[in-house]
Amino acid sequence: MALYEVQTFSDPENKTVHEQKHVPFIQAPEKVKKGEYFQVSIKMGEGIDHPMEPGHFIQYVDLYADYYHLERVNFTPETKAEAVLTIKLEKSCTLRAFELCNLHGQWEGTFDIIVEE
C-alpha cells in the first residue's frame, strides 16, 4: 500500500473479510427532497464490525457530498465505529465516506443519492 492510497473493494462481488471490516458502509434514502434534512448512517464494516481496541481501531470518518466536506466524526478505541449524521443536500451526488484505520490506512465507501425538487 502506497502512502495515502485510498482503498475500497477490489471486487464488489467477492468482498474479502479484510475489506468488509474496513470499507465504510453508508445507509441513506435513495431519494430525498432538496433542502430537507435526512439521516445518514455510516458503519465501519458491512456485516462484520471493525475491531476497536488500543492497538487497532478506526480513528475517524469523514462524510463528503461528491468532494464537498460535510462532517467528521472522531473515534477512540473505547467507542463503536459508527455514526448517524443529519444532513441536507441541494443536488444529487455521491456520498463518500473516508475512514482511517490506524493499522490499515484509509478506506472509501460510496452511496449515490438523488435529490428531487
PDB file of N, CA and C in Angstrom:
ATOM      1  N   MET A   1       0.847  -1.187   0.000  1.00  0.00           N
ATOM      2  CA  MET A   1       0.000   0.000   0.000  1.00  0.00           C
ATOM      3  C   MET A   1       0.883   1.237   0.000  1.00  0.00           C
ATOM      4  N   ALA A   2       0.659   2.115  -0.939  1.00  0.00           N
ATOM      5  CA  ALA A   2       1.405   3.367  -1.002  1.00  0.00           C
ATOM      6  C   ALA A   2       0.851   4.330   0.046  1.00  0.00           C
ATOM      7  N   LEU A   3       1.705   5.217   0.510  1.00  0.00           N
ATOM      8  CA  LEU A   3       1.293   6.229   1.461  1.00  0.00           C
ATOM      9  C   LEU A   3       0.141   7.027   0.869  1.00  0.00           C
ATOM     10  N   TYR A   4      -0.919   7.212   1.626  1.00  0.00           N
ATOM     11  CA  TYR A   4      -2.107   7.969   1.242  1.00  0.00           C
ATOM     12  C   TYR A   4      -2.970   7.295   0.186  1.00  0.00           C
ATOM     13  N   GLU A   5      -2.746   6.049  -0.100  1.00  0.00           N
ATOM     14  CA  GLU A   5      -3.597   5.328  -1.043  1.00  0.00           C
ATOM     15  C   GLU A   5      -4.964   5.092  -0.392  1.00  0.00           C
ATOM     16  N   VAL A   6      -6.035   5.410  -1.106  1.00  0.00           N
ATOM     17  CA  VAL A   6      -7.381   5.173  -0.614  1.00  0.00           C
ATOM     18  C   VAL A   6      -7.839   3.821  -1.139  1.00  0.00           C
ATOM     19  N   GLN A   7      -8.259   2.962  -0.245  1.00  0.00           N
ATOM     20  CA  GLN A   7      -8.649   1.603  -0.604  1.00  0.00           C
ATOM     21  C   GLN A   7     -10.162   1.438  -0.593  1.00  0.00           C
ATOM     22  N   THR A   8     -10.640   0.474  -1.347  1.00  0.00           N
ATOM     23  CA  THR A   8     -12.046   0.102  -1.365  1.00  0.00           C
ATOM     24  C   THR A   8     -12.108  -1.367  -1.780  1.00  0.00           C
ATOM     25  N   PHE A   9     -13.286  -1.839  -2.156  1.00  0.00           N
ATOM     26  CA  PHE A   9     -13.417  -3.227  -2.576  1.00  0.00           C
ATOM     27  C   PHE A   9     -12.675  -3.460  -3.888  1.00  0.00           C
ATOM     28  N   SER A  10     -11.823  -4.471  -3.935  1.00  0.00           N
ATOM     29  CA  SER A  10     -11.149  -4.797  -5.192  1.00  0.00           C
ATOM     30  C   SER A  10     -12.126  -5.459  -6.157  1.00  0.00           C
ATOM     31  N   ASP A  11     -13.078  -6.225  -5.614  1.00  0.00           N
ATOM     32  CA  ASP A  11     -14.130  -6.863  -6.407  1.00  0.00           C
ATOM     33  C   ASP A  11     -15.406  -6.855  -5.572  1.00  0.00           C
ATOM     34  N   PRO A  12     -16.328  -5.913  -5.823  1.00  0.00           N
ATOM     35  CA  PRO A  12     -17.546  -5.800  -5.004  1.00  0.00           C
ATOM     36  C   PRO A  12     -18.388  -7.077  -4.940  1.00  0.00           C
ATOM     37  N   GLU A  13     -18.220  -7.972  -5.916  1.00  0.00           N
ATOM     38  CA  GLU A  13     -18.978  -9.228  -5.907  1.00  0.00           C
ATOM     39  C   GLU A  13     -18.329 -10.290  -5.019  1.00  0.00           C
ATOM     40  N   ASN A  14     -17.055 -10.117  -4.699  1.00  0.00           N
ATOM     41  CA  ASN A  14     -16.314 -11.075  -3.870  1.00  0.00           C
ATOM     42  C   ASN A  14     -15.509 -10.315  -2.825  1.00  0.00           C
ATOM     43  N   LYS A  15     -16.216  -9.759  -1.834  1.00  0.00           N
ATOM     44  CA  LYS A  15     -15.578  -8.941  -0.806  1.00  0.00           C
ATOM     45  C   LYS A  15     -14.796  -9.824   0.170  1.00  0.00           C
ATOM     46  N   THR A  16     -13.572  -9.426   0.454  1.00  0.00           N
ATOM     47  CA  THR A  16     -12.783 -10.162   1.447  1.00  0.00           C
ATOM     48  C   THR A  16     -13.209  -9.731   2.846  1.00  0.00           C
ATOM     49  N   VAL A  17     -12.894 -10.537   3.848  1.00  0.00           N
ATOM     50  CA  VAL A  17     -13.204 -10.193   5.236  1.00  0.00           C
ATOM     51  C   VAL A  17     -12.479  -8.900   5.609  1.00  0.00           C
ATOM     52  N   HIS A  18     -11.244  -8.764   5.181  1.00  0.00           N
ATOM     53  CA  HIS A  18     -10.463  -7.556   5.456  1.00  0.00           C
ATOM     54  C   HIS A  18     -11.174  -6.320   4.896  1.00  0.00           C
ATOM     55  N   GLU A  19     -11.664  -6.408   3.662  1.00  0.00           N
ATOM     56  CA  GLU A  19     -12.389  -5.290   3.047  1.00  0.00           C
ATOM     57  C   GLU A  19     -13.701  -5.038   3.767  1.00  0.00           C
ATOM     58  N   GLN A  20     -14.421  -6.096   4.118  1.00  0.00           N
ATOM     59  CA  GLN A  20     -15.705  -5.942   4.802  1.00  0.00           C
ATOM     60  C   GLN A  20     -15.556  -5.228   6.139  1.00  0.00           C
ATOM     61  N   LYS A  21     -14.425  -5.408   6.824  1.00  0.00           N
ATOM     62  CA  LYS A  21     -14.186  -4.752   8.105  1.00  0.00           C
ATOM     63  C   LYS A  21     -13.826  -3.278   7.944  1.00  0.00           C
ATOM     64  N   HIS A  22     -13.333  -2.888   6.779  1.00  0.00           N
ATOM     65  CA  HIS A  22     -12.774  -1.549   6.626  1.00  0.00           C
ATOM     66  C   HIS A  22     -13.565  -0.589   5.753  1.00  0.00           C
ATOM     67  N   VAL A  23     -14.192  -1.049   4.707  1.00  0.00           N
ATOM     68  CA  VAL A  23     -14.898  -0.125   3.810  1.00  0.00           C
ATOM     69  C   VAL A  23     -16.130   0.423   4.534  1.00  0.00           C
ATOM     70  N   PRO A  24     -16.241   1.765   4.637  1.00  0.00           N
ATOM     71  CA  PRO A  24     -17.411   2.347   5.295  1.00  0.00           C
ATOM     72  C   PRO A  24     -18.703   1.967   4.561  1.00  0.00           C
ATOM     73  N   PHE A  25     -19.696   1.543   5.335  1.00  0.00           N
ATOM     74  CA  PHE A  25     -20.989   1.143   4.791  1.00  0.00           C
ATOM     75  C   PHE A  25     -21.976   2.272   5.071  1.00  0.00           C
ATOM     76  N   ILE A  26     -22.475   2.904   4.003  1.00  0.00           N
ATOM     77  CA  ILE A  26     -23.373   4.055   4.118  1.00  0.00           C
ATOM     78  C   ILE A  26     -24.810   3.606   3.901  1.00  0.00           C
ATOM     79  N   GLN A  27     -25.684   4.007   4.818  1.00  0.00           N
ATOM     80  CA  GLN A  27     -27.124   3.775   4.657  1.00  0.00           C
ATOM     81  C   GLN A  27     -27.810   5.130   4.656  1.00  0.00           C
ATOM     82  N   ALA A  28     -28.632   5.360   3.625  1.00  0.00           N
ATOM     83  CA  ALA A  28     -29.372   6.608   3.476  1.00  0.00           C
ATOM     84  C   ALA A  28     -30.522   6.349   2.514  1.00  0.00           C
ATOM     85  N   PRO A  29     -31.509   7.251   2.491  1.00  0.00           N
ATOM     86  CA  PRO A  29     -32.562   7.103   1.486  1.00  0.00           C
ATOM     87  C   PRO A  29     -31.968   7.245   0.083  1.00  0.00           C
ATOM     88  N   GLU A  30     -32.532   6.526  -0.879  1.00  0.00           N
ATOM     89  CA  GLU A  30     -32.045   6.656  -2.257  1.00  0.00           C
ATOM     90  C   GLU A  30     -32.457   7.982  -2.878  1.00  0.00           C
ATOM     91  N   LYS A  31     -33.599   8.518  -2.418  1.00  0.00           N
ATOM     92  CA  LYS A  31     -34.102   9.806  -2.912  1.00  0.00           C
ATOM     93  C   LYS A  31     -34.493  10.668  -1.720  1.00  0.00           C
ATOM     94  N   VAL A  32     -34.153  11.963  -1.810  1.00  0.00           N
ATOM     95  CA  VAL A  32     -34.520  12.927  -0.777  1.00  0.00           C
ATOM     96  C   VAL A  32     -35.011  14.192  -1.457  1.00  0.00           C
ATOM     97  N   LYS A  33     -35.678  15.047  -0.676  1.00  0.00           N
ATOM     98  CA  LYS A  33     -36.152  16.321  -1.216  1.00  0.00           C
ATOM     99  C   LYS A  33     -35.083  17.392  -1.008  1.00  0.00           C
ATOM    100  N   LYS A  34     -34.939  18.236  -1.995  1.00  0.00           N
ATOM    101  CA  LYS A  34     -33.961  19.312  -1.957  1.00  0.00           C
ATOM    102  C   LYS A  34     -34.148  20.162  -0.705  1.00  0.00           C
ATOM    103  N   GLY A  35     -33.055  20.372   0.039  1.00  0.00           N
ATOM    104  CA  GLY A  35     -33.077  21.256   1.199  1.00  0.00           C
ATOM    105  C   GLY A  35     -33.707  20.690   2.455  1.00  0.00           C
ATOM    106  N   GLU A  36     -34.181  19.430   2.430  1.00  0.00           N
ATOM    107  CA  GLU A  36     -34.785  18.834   3.625  1.00  0.00           C
ATOM    108  C   GLU A  36     -33.774  17.928   4.324  1.00  0.00           C
ATOM    109  N   TYR A  37     -33.772  17.994   5.648  1.00  0.00           N
ATOM    110  CA  TYR A  37     -32.846  17.181   6.429  1.00  0.00           C
ATOM    111  C   TYR A  37     -33.235  15.705   6.405  1.00  0.00           C
ATOM    112  N   PHE A  38     -32.217  14.845   6.417  1.00  0.00           N
ATOM    113  CA  PHE A  38     -32.414  13.400   6.487  1.00  0.00           C
ATOM    114  C   PHE A  38     -31.199  12.795   7.183  1.00  0.00           C
ATOM    115  N   GLN A  39     -31.321  11.536   7.560  1.00  0.00           N
ATOM    116  CA  GLN A  39     -30.241  10.875   8.295  1.00  0.00           C
ATOM    117  C   GLN A  39     -29.415   9.964   7.393  1.00  0.00           C
ATOM    118  N   VAL A  40     -28.116   9.967   7.677  1.00  0.00           N
ATOM    119  CA  VAL A  40     -27.157   9.089   7.017  1.00  0.00           C
ATOM    120  C   VAL A  40     -26.461   8.294   8.109  1.00  0.00           C
ATOM    121  N   SER A  41     -26.460   6.983   7.958  1.00  0.00           N
ATOM    122  CA  SER A  41     -25.782   6.104   8.912  1.00  0.00           C
ATOM    123  C   SER A  41     -24.517   5.566   8.253  1.00  0.00           C
ATOM    124  N   ILE A  42     -23.403   5.590   8.991  1.00  0.00           N
ATOM    125  CA  ILE A  42     -22.140   5.071   8.482  1.00  0.00           C
ATOM    126  C   ILE A  42     -21.578   4.092   9.500  1.00  0.00           C
ATOM    127  N   LYS A  43     -21.355   2.864   9.041  1.00  0.00           N
ATOM    128  CA  LYS A  43     -20.723   1.839   9.881  1.00  0.00           C
ATOM    129  C   LYS A  43     -19.402   1.457   9.249  1.00  0.00           C
ATOM    130  N   MET A  44     -18.405   1.263  10.079  1.00  0.00           N
ATOM    131  CA  MET A  44     -17.124   0.804   9.575  1.00  0.00           C
ATOM    132  C   MET A  44     -17.172  -0.707   9.542  1.00  0.00           C
ATOM    133  N   GLY A  45     -17.525  -1.199   8.396  1.00  0.00           N
ATOM    134  CA  GLY A  45     -17.686  -2.629   8.192  1.00  0.00           C
ATOM    135  C   GLY A  45     -19.108  -2.966   7.805  1.00  0.00           C
ATOM    136  N   GLU A  46     -19.228  -3.863   6.848  1.00  0.00           N
ATOM    137  CA  GLU A  46     -20.544  -4.321   6.393  1.00  0.00           C
ATOM    138  C   GLU A  46     -20.708  -5.773   6.794  1.00  0.00           C
ATOM    139  N   GLY A  47     -21.604  -6.010   7.756  1.00  0.00           N
ATOM    140  CA  GLY A  47     -21.863  -7.371   8.198  1.00  0.00           C
ATOM    141  C   GLY A  47     -20.845  -7.905   9.185  1.00  0.00           C
ATOM    142  N   ILE A  48     -19.777  -7.147   9.412  1.00  0.00           N
ATOM    143  CA  ILE A  48     -18.744  -7.552  10.363  1.00  0.00           C
ATOM    144  C   ILE A  48     -18.153  -6.271  10.955  1.00  0.00           C
ATOM    145  N   ASP A  49     -18.087  -6.197  12.276  1.00  0.00           N
ATOM    146  CA  ASP A  49     -17.592  -4.995  12.931  1.00  0.00           C
ATOM    147  C   ASP A  49     -16.071  -4.911  12.881  1.00  0.00           C
ATOM    148  N   HIS A  50     -15.590  -3.704  12.720  1.00  0.00           N
ATOM    149  CA  HIS A  50     -14.149  -3.468  12.789  1.00  0.00           C
ATOM    150  C   HIS A  50     -13.729  -3.509  14.259  1.00  0.00           C
ATOM    151  N   PRO A  51     -12.582  -4.114  14.580  1.00  0.00           N
ATOM    152  CA  PRO A  51     -12.104  -4.106  15.961  1.00  0.00           C
ATOM    153  C   PRO A  51     -11.902  -2.672  16.463  1.00  0.00           C
ATOM    154  N   MET A  52     -12.204  -2.454  17.710  1.00  0.00           N
ATOM    155  CA  MET A  52     -11.966  -1.152  18.342  1.00  0.00           C
ATOM    156  C   MET A  52     -11.234  -1.412  19.647  1.00  0.00           C
ATOM    157  N   GLU A  53      -9.920  -1.532  19.541  1.00  0.00           N
ATOM    158  CA  GLU A  53      -9.059  -1.798  20.690  1.00  0.00           C
ATOM    159  C   GLU A  53      -7.824  -0.915  20.568  1.00  0.00           C
ATOM    160  N   PRO A  54      -7.082  -0.684  21.646  1.00  0.00           N
ATOM    161  CA  PRO A  54      -5.969   0.264  21.599  1.00  0.00           C
ATOM    162  C   PRO A  54      -4.972   0.038  20.459  1.00  0.00           C
ATOM    163  N   GLY A  55      -4.707  -1.179  20.071  1.00  0.00           N
ATOM    164  CA  GLY A  55      -3.739  -1.434  19.014  1.00  0.00           C
ATOM    165  C   GLY A  55      -4.300  -1.427  17.609  1.00  0.00           C
ATOM    166  N   HIS A  56      -5.622  -1.375  17.458  1.00  0.00           N
ATOM    167  CA  HIS A  56      -6.254  -1.479  16.139  1.00  0.00           C
ATOM    168  C   HIS A  56      -7.646  -0.866  16.229  1.00  0.00           C
ATOM    169  N   PHE A  57      -7.803   0.319  15.632  1.00  0.00           N
ATOM    170  CA  PHE A  57      -9.103   0.977  15.700  1.00  0.00           C
ATOM    171  C   PHE A  57      -9.266   1.980  14.559  1.00  0.00           C
ATOM    172  N   ILE A  58     -10.507   2.406  14.358  1.00  0.00           N
ATOM    173  CA  ILE A  58     -10.829   3.446  13.388  1.00  0.00           C
ATOM    174  C   ILE A  58     -10.649   4.789  14.090  1.00  0.00           C
ATOM    175  N   GLN A  59      -9.853   5.673  13.489  1.00  0.00           N
ATOM    176  CA  GLN A  59      -9.589   6.961  14.110  1.00  0.00           C
ATOM    177  C   GLN A  59     -10.693   7.982  13.826  1.00  0.00           C
ATOM    178  N   TYR A  60     -11.207   7.985  12.579  1.00  0.00           N
ATOM    179  CA  TYR A  60     -12.260   8.936  12.221  1.00  0.00           C
ATOM    180  C   TYR A  60     -12.935   8.497  10.933  1.00  0.00           C
ATOM    181  N   VAL A  61     -14.076   9.134  10.654  1.00  0.00           N
ATOM    182  CA  VAL A  61     -14.741   9.007   9.357  1.00  0.00           C
ATOM    183  C   VAL A  61     -15.143  10.410   8.914  1.00  0.00           C
ATOM    184  N   ASP A  62     -14.896  10.716   7.643  1.00  0.00           N
ATOM    185  CA  ASP A  62     -15.313  11.982   7.030  1.00  0.00           C
ATOM    186  C   ASP A  62     -16.401  11.677   6.017  1.00  0.00           C
ATOM    187  N   LEU A  63     -17.445  12.524   5.994  1.00  0.00           N
ATOM    188  CA  LEU A  63     -18.513  12.378   5.008  1.00  0.00           C
ATOM    189  C   LEU A  63     -18.447  13.550   4.034  1.00  0.00           C
ATOM    190  N   TYR A  64     -18.522  13.224   2.741  1.00  0.00           N
ATOM    191  CA  TYR A  64     -18.497  14.208   1.668  1.00  0.00           C
ATOM    192  C   TYR A  64     -19.726  14.034   0.780  1.00  0.00           C
ATOM    193  N   ALA A  65     -20.183  15.139   0.187  1.00  0.00           N
ATOM    194  CA  ALA A  65     -21.158  15.120  -0.902  1.00  0.00           C
ATOM    195  C   ALA A  65     -20.324  15.382  -2.150  1.00  0.00           C
ATOM    196  N   ASP A  66     -20.141  14.360  -2.977  1.00  0.00           N
ATOM    197  CA  ASP A  66     -19.126  14.365  -4.023  1.00  0.00           C
ATOM    198  C   ASP A  66     -17.792  14.626  -3.316  1.00  0.00           C
ATOM    199  N   TYR A  67     -17.182  15.796  -3.526  1.00  0.00           N
ATOM    200  CA  TYR A  67     -15.918  16.086  -2.836  1.00  0.00           C
ATOM    201  C   TYR A  67     -16.032  17.310  -1.927  1.00  0.00           C
ATOM    202  N   TYR A  68     -17.258  17.653  -1.541  1.00  0.00           N
ATOM    203  CA  TYR A  68     -17.503  18.746  -0.596  1.00  0.00           C
ATOM    204  C   TYR A  68     -17.622  18.157   0.805  1.00  0.00           C
ATOM    205  N   HIS A  69     -16.743  18.563   1.700  1.00  0.00           N
ATOM    206  CA  HIS A  69     -16.714  18.001   3.056  1.00  0.00           C
ATOM    207  C   HIS A  69     -17.946  18.427   3.847  1.00  0.00           C
ATOM    208  N   LEU A  70     -18.637  17.455   4.448  1.00  0.00           N
ATOM    209  CA  LEU A  70     -19.818  17.736   5.251  1.00  0.00           C
ATOM    210  C   LEU A  70     -19.547  17.642   6.750  1.00  0.00           C
ATOM    211  N   GLU A  71     -18.869  16.561   7.171  1.00  0.00           N
ATOM    212  CA  GLU A  71     -18.702  16.372   8.609  1.00  0.00           C
ATOM    213  C   GLU A  71     -17.643  15.311   8.894  1.00  0.00           C
ATOM    214  N   ARG A  72     -17.030  15.410  10.085  1.00  0.00           N
ATOM    215  CA  ARG A  72     -16.078  14.408  10.569  1.00  0.00           C
ATOM    216  C   ARG A  72     -16.538  13.926  11.938  1.00  0.00           C
ATOM    217  N   VAL A  73     -16.405  12.608  12.143  1.00  0.00           N
ATOM    218  CA  VAL A  73     -16.658  12.005  13.456  1.00  0.00           C
ATOM    219  C   VAL A  73     -15.376  11.302  13.872  1.00  0.00           C
ATOM    220  N   ASN A  74     -14.868  11.654  15.064  1.00  0.00           N
ATOM    221  CA  ASN A  74     -13.667  11.031  15.608  1.00  0.00           C
ATOM    222  C   ASN A  74     -14.050   9.889  16.531  1.00  0.00           C
ATOM    223  N   PHE A  75     -13.228   8.859  16.551  1.00  0.00           N
ATOM    224  CA  PHE A  75     -13.454   7.696  17.403  1.00  0.00           C
ATOM    225  C   PHE A  75     -12.239   7.459  18.297  1.00  0.00           C
ATOM    226  N   THR A  76     -12.457   6.737  19.373  1.00  0.00           N
ATOM    227  CA  THR A  76     -11.381   6.257  20.229  1.00  0.00           C
ATOM    228  C   THR A  76     -11.528   4.741  20.303  1.00  0.00           C
ATOM    229  N   PRO A  77     -10.515   4.034  20.798  1.00  0.00           N
ATOM    230  CA  PRO A  77     -10.629   2.575  20.882  1.00  0.00           C
ATOM    231  C   PRO A  77     -11.797   2.105  21.754  1.00  0.00           C
ATOM    232  N   GLU A  78     -12.301   2.966  22.620  1.00  0.00           N
ATOM    233  CA  GLU A  78     -13.399   2.584  23.513  1.00  0.00           C
ATOM    234  C   GLU A  78     -14.785   2.798  22.909  1.00  0.00           C
ATOM    235  N   THR A  79     -14.861   3.389  21.713  1.00  0.00           N
ATOM    236  CA  THR A  79     -16.165   3.674  21.104  1.00  0.00           C
ATOM    237  C   THR A  79     -16.474   2.682  19.994  1.00  0.00           C
ATOM    238  N   LYS A  80     -17.718   2.712  19.541  1.00  0.00           N
ATOM    239  CA  LYS A  80     -18.127   1.880  18.409  1.00  0.00           C
ATOM    240  C   LYS A  80     -17.910   2.688  17.130  1.00  0.00           C
ATOM    241  N   ALA A  81     -17.414   2.056  16.086  1.00  0.00           N
ATOM    242  CA  ALA A  81     -17.083   2.750  14.838  1.00  0.00           C
ATOM    243  C   ALA A  81     -18.315   2.872  13.950  1.00  0.00           C
ATOM    244  N   GLU A  82     -19.231   3.732  14.370  1.00  0.00           N
ATOM    245  CA  GLU A  82     -20.399   4.039  13.557  1.00  0.00           C
ATOM    246  C   GLU A  82     -20.914   5.421  13.930  1.00  0.00           C
ATOM    247  N   ALA A  83     -21.624   6.032  12.990  1.00  0.00           N
ATOM    248  CA  ALA A  83     -22.136   7.381  13.198  1.00  0.00           C
ATOM    249  C   ALA A  83     -23.465   7.538  12.487  1.00  0.00           C
ATOM    250  N   VAL A  84     -24.335   8.360  13.054  1.00  0.00           N
ATOM    251  CA  VAL A  84     -25.582   8.754  12.415  1.00  0.00           C
ATOM    252  C   VAL A  84     -25.537  10.274  12.302  1.00  0.00           C
ATOM    253  N   LEU A  85     -25.589  10.757  11.073  1.00  0.00           N
ATOM    254  CA  LEU A  85     -25.486  12.189  10.810  1.00  0.00           C
ATOM    255  C   LEU A  85     -26.771  12.694  10.182  1.00  0.00           C
ATOM    256  N   THR A  86     -27.116  13.935  10.473  1.00  0.00           N
ATOM    257  CA  THR A  86     -28.272  14.579   9.866  1.00  0.00           C
ATOM    258  C   THR A  86     -27.748  15.644   8.911  1.00  0.00           C
ATOM    259  N   ILE A  87     -28.119  15.500   7.634  1.00  0.00           N
ATOM    260  CA  ILE A  87     -27.620  16.421   6.612  1.00  0.00           C
ATOM    261  C   ILE A  87     -28.765  16.842   5.696  1.00  0.00           C
ATOM    262  N   LYS A  88     -28.489  17.817   4.843  1.00  0.00           N
ATOM    263  CA  LYS A  88     -29.403  18.169   3.751  1.00  0.00           C
ATOM    264  C   LYS A  88     -28.561  18.422   2.521  1.00  0.00           C
ATOM    265  N   LEU A  89     -29.161  18.194   1.362  1.00  0.00           N
ATOM    266  CA  LEU A  89     -28.467  18.354   0.089  1.00  0.00           C
ATOM    267  C   LEU A  89     -29.281  19.246  -0.834  1.00  0.00           C
ATOM    268  N   GLU A  90     -28.580  19.898  -1.746  1.00  0.00           N
ATOM    269  CA  GLU A  90     -29.235  20.756  -2.732  1.00  0.00           C
ATOM    270  C   GLU A  90     -29.290  20.124  -4.113  1.00  0.00           C
ATOM    271  N   LYS A  91     -28.420  19.106  -4.338  1.00  0.00           N
ATOM    272  CA  LYS A  91     -28.417  18.453  -5.646  1.00  0.00           C
ATOM    273  C   LYS A  91     -27.981  17.002  -5.494  1.00  0.00           C
ATOM    274  N   SER A  92     -28.298  16.192  -6.489  1.00  0.00           N
ATOM    275  CA  SER A  92     -27.909  14.780  -6.487  1.00  0.00           C
ATOM    276  C   SER A  92     -26.392  14.673  -6.452  1.00  0.00           C
ATOM    277  N   CYS A  93     -25.906  13.617  -5.790  1.00  0.00           N
ATOM    278  CA  CYS A  93     -24.459  13.471  -5.640  1.00  0.00           C
ATOM    279  C   CYS A  93     -24.125  12.043  -5.222  1.00  0.00           C
ATOM    280  N   THR A  94     -22.852  11.809  -5.075  1.00  0.00           N
ATOM    281  CA  THR A  94     -22.362  10.581  -4.477  1.00  0.00           C
ATOM    282  C   THR A  94     -21.892  10.922  -3.075  1.00  0.00           C
ATOM    283  N   LEU A  95     -22.511  10.292  -2.070  1.00  0.00           N
ATOM    284  CA  LEU A  95     -21.999  10.436  -0.714  1.00  0.00           C
ATOM    285  C   LEU A  95     -20.741   9.587  -0.621  1.00  0.00           C
ATOM    286  N   ARG A  96     -19.692  10.140  -0.071  1.00  0.00           N
ATOM    287  CA  ARG A  96     -18.409   9.451   0.076  1.00  0.00           C
ATOM    288  C   ARG A  96     -18.006   9.485   1.537  1.00  0.00           C
ATOM    289  N   ALA A  97     -17.733   8.313   2.090  1.00  0.00           N
ATOM    290  CA  ALA A  97     -17.228   8.223   3.457  1.00  0.00           C
ATOM    291  C   ALA A  97     -15.790   7.737   3.394  1.00  0.00           C
ATOM    292  N   PHE A  98     -14.898   8.489   4.013  1.00  0.00           N
ATOM    293  CA  PHE A  98     -13.490   8.120   4.095  1.00  0.00           C
ATOM    294  C   PHE A  98     -13.168   7.864   5.559  1.00  0.00           C
ATOM    295  N   GLU A  99     -12.661   6.684   5.862  1.00  0.00           N
ATOM    296  CA  GLU A  99     -12.290   6.379   7.240  1.00  0.00           C
ATOM    297  C   GLU A  99     -10.820   6.018   7.304  1.00  0.00           C
ATOM    298  N   LEU A 100     -10.238   6.233   8.491  1.00  0.00           N
ATOM    299  CA  LEU A 100      -8.824   5.931   8.671  1.00  0.00           C
ATOM    300  C   LEU A 100      -8.646   4.900   9.780  1.00  0.00           C
ATOM    301  N   CYS A 101      -8.106   3.743   9.407  1.00  0.00           N
ATOM    302  CA  CYS A 101      -7.738   2.691  10.355  1.00  0.00           C
ATOM    303  C   CYS A 101      -6.279   2.936  10.735  1.00  0.00           C
ATOM    304  N   ASN A 102      -5.974   2.884  12.023  1.00  0.00           N
ATOM    305  CA  ASN A 102      -4.614   3.180  12.454  1.00  0.00           C
ATOM    306  C   ASN A 102      -3.593   2.162  11.939  1.00  0.00           C
ATOM    307  N   LEU A 103      -4.018   0.962  11.552  1.00  0.00           N
ATOM    308  CA  LEU A 103      -3.103  -0.050  11.026  1.00  0.00           C
ATOM    309  C   LEU A 103      -3.176  -0.229   9.513  1.00  0.00           C
ATOM    310  N   HIS A 104      -4.366  -0.062   8.943  1.00  0.00           N
ATOM    311  CA  HIS A 104      -4.572  -0.437   7.546  1.00  0.00           C
ATOM    312  C   HIS A 104      -4.898   0.727   6.617  1.00  0.00           C
ATOM    313  N   GLY A 105      -4.710   1.953   7.074  1.00  0.00           N
ATOM    314  CA  GLY A 105      -4.838   3.108   6.204  1.00  0.00           C
ATOM    315  C   GLY A 105      -6.254   3.581   5.945  1.00  0.00           C
ATOM    316  N   GLN A 106      -6.392   4.335   4.859  1.00  0.00           N
ATOM    317  CA  GLN A 106      -7.654   4.988   4.525  1.00  0.00           C
ATOM    318  C   GLN A 106      -8.488   4.147   3.569  1.00  0.00           C
ATOM    319  N   TRP A 107      -9.812   4.161   3.820  1.00  0.00           N
ATOM    320  CA  TRP A 107     -10.768   3.378   3.030  1.00  0.00           C
ATOM    321  C   TRP A 107     -11.937   4.265   2.648  1.00  0.00           C
ATOM    322  N   GLU A 108     -12.534   3.976   1.483  1.00  0.00           N
ATOM    323  CA  GLU A 108     -13.666   4.756   0.992  1.00  0.00           C
ATOM    324  C   GLU A 108     -14.860   3.864   0.695  1.00  0.00           C
ATOM    325  N   GLY A 109     -16.029   4.350   1.091  1.00  0.00           N
ATOM    326  CA  GLY A 109     -17.304   3.748   0.716  1.00  0.00           C
ATOM    327  C   GLY A 109     -18.158   4.825   0.068  1.00  0.00           C
ATOM    328  N   THR A 110     -19.020   4.446  -0.887  1.00  0.00           N
ATOM    329  CA  THR A 110     -19.837   5.429  -1.594  1.00  0.00           C
ATOM    330  C   THR A 110     -21.304   5.014  -1.625  1.00  0.00           C
ATOM    331  N   PHE A 111     -22.161   6.008  -1.855  1.00  0.00           N
ATOM    332  CA  PHE A 111     -23.602   5.781  -1.948  1.00  0.00           C
ATOM    333  C   PHE A 111     -24.168   6.902  -2.825  1.00  0.00           C
ATOM    334  N   ASP A 112     -24.809   6.544  -3.943  1.00  0.00           N
ATOM    335  CA  ASP A 112     -25.409   7.539  -4.833  1.00  0.00           C
ATOM    336  C   ASP A 112     -26.786   7.921  -4.307  1.00  0.00           C
ATOM    337  N   ILE A 113     -27.056   9.225  -4.314  1.00  0.00           N
ATOM    338  CA  ILE A 113     -28.325   9.723  -3.786  1.00  0.00           C
ATOM    339  C   ILE A 113     -28.913  10.726  -4.776  1.00  0.00           C
ATOM    340  N   ILE A 114     -30.229  10.649  -4.953  1.00  0.00           N
ATOM    341  CA  ILE A 114     -30.943  11.531  -5.877  1.00  0.00           C
ATOM    342  C   ILE A 114     -31.691  12.587  -5.059  1.00  0.00           C
ATOM    343  N   VAL A 115     -31.511  13.828  -5.443  1.00  0.00           N
ATOM    344  CA  VAL A 115     -32.211  14.930  -4.796  1.00  0.00           C
ATOM    345  C   VAL A 115     -33.291  15.426  -5.748  1.00  0.00           C
ATOM    346  N   GLU A 116     -34.521  15.422  -5.250  1.00  0.00           N
ATOM    347  CA  GLU A 116     -35.670  15.851  -6.064  1.00  0.00           C
ATOM    348  C   GLU A 116     -36.159  17.215  -5.590  1.00  0.00           C
ATOM    349  N   GLU A 117     -36.750  17.954  -6.512  1.00  0.00           N
ATOM    350  CA  GLU A 117     -37.315  19.273  -6.171  1.00  0.00           C
ATOM    351  C   GLU A 117     -38.477  19.136  -5.227  1.00  0.00           C
TER     352      GLU A 117
END
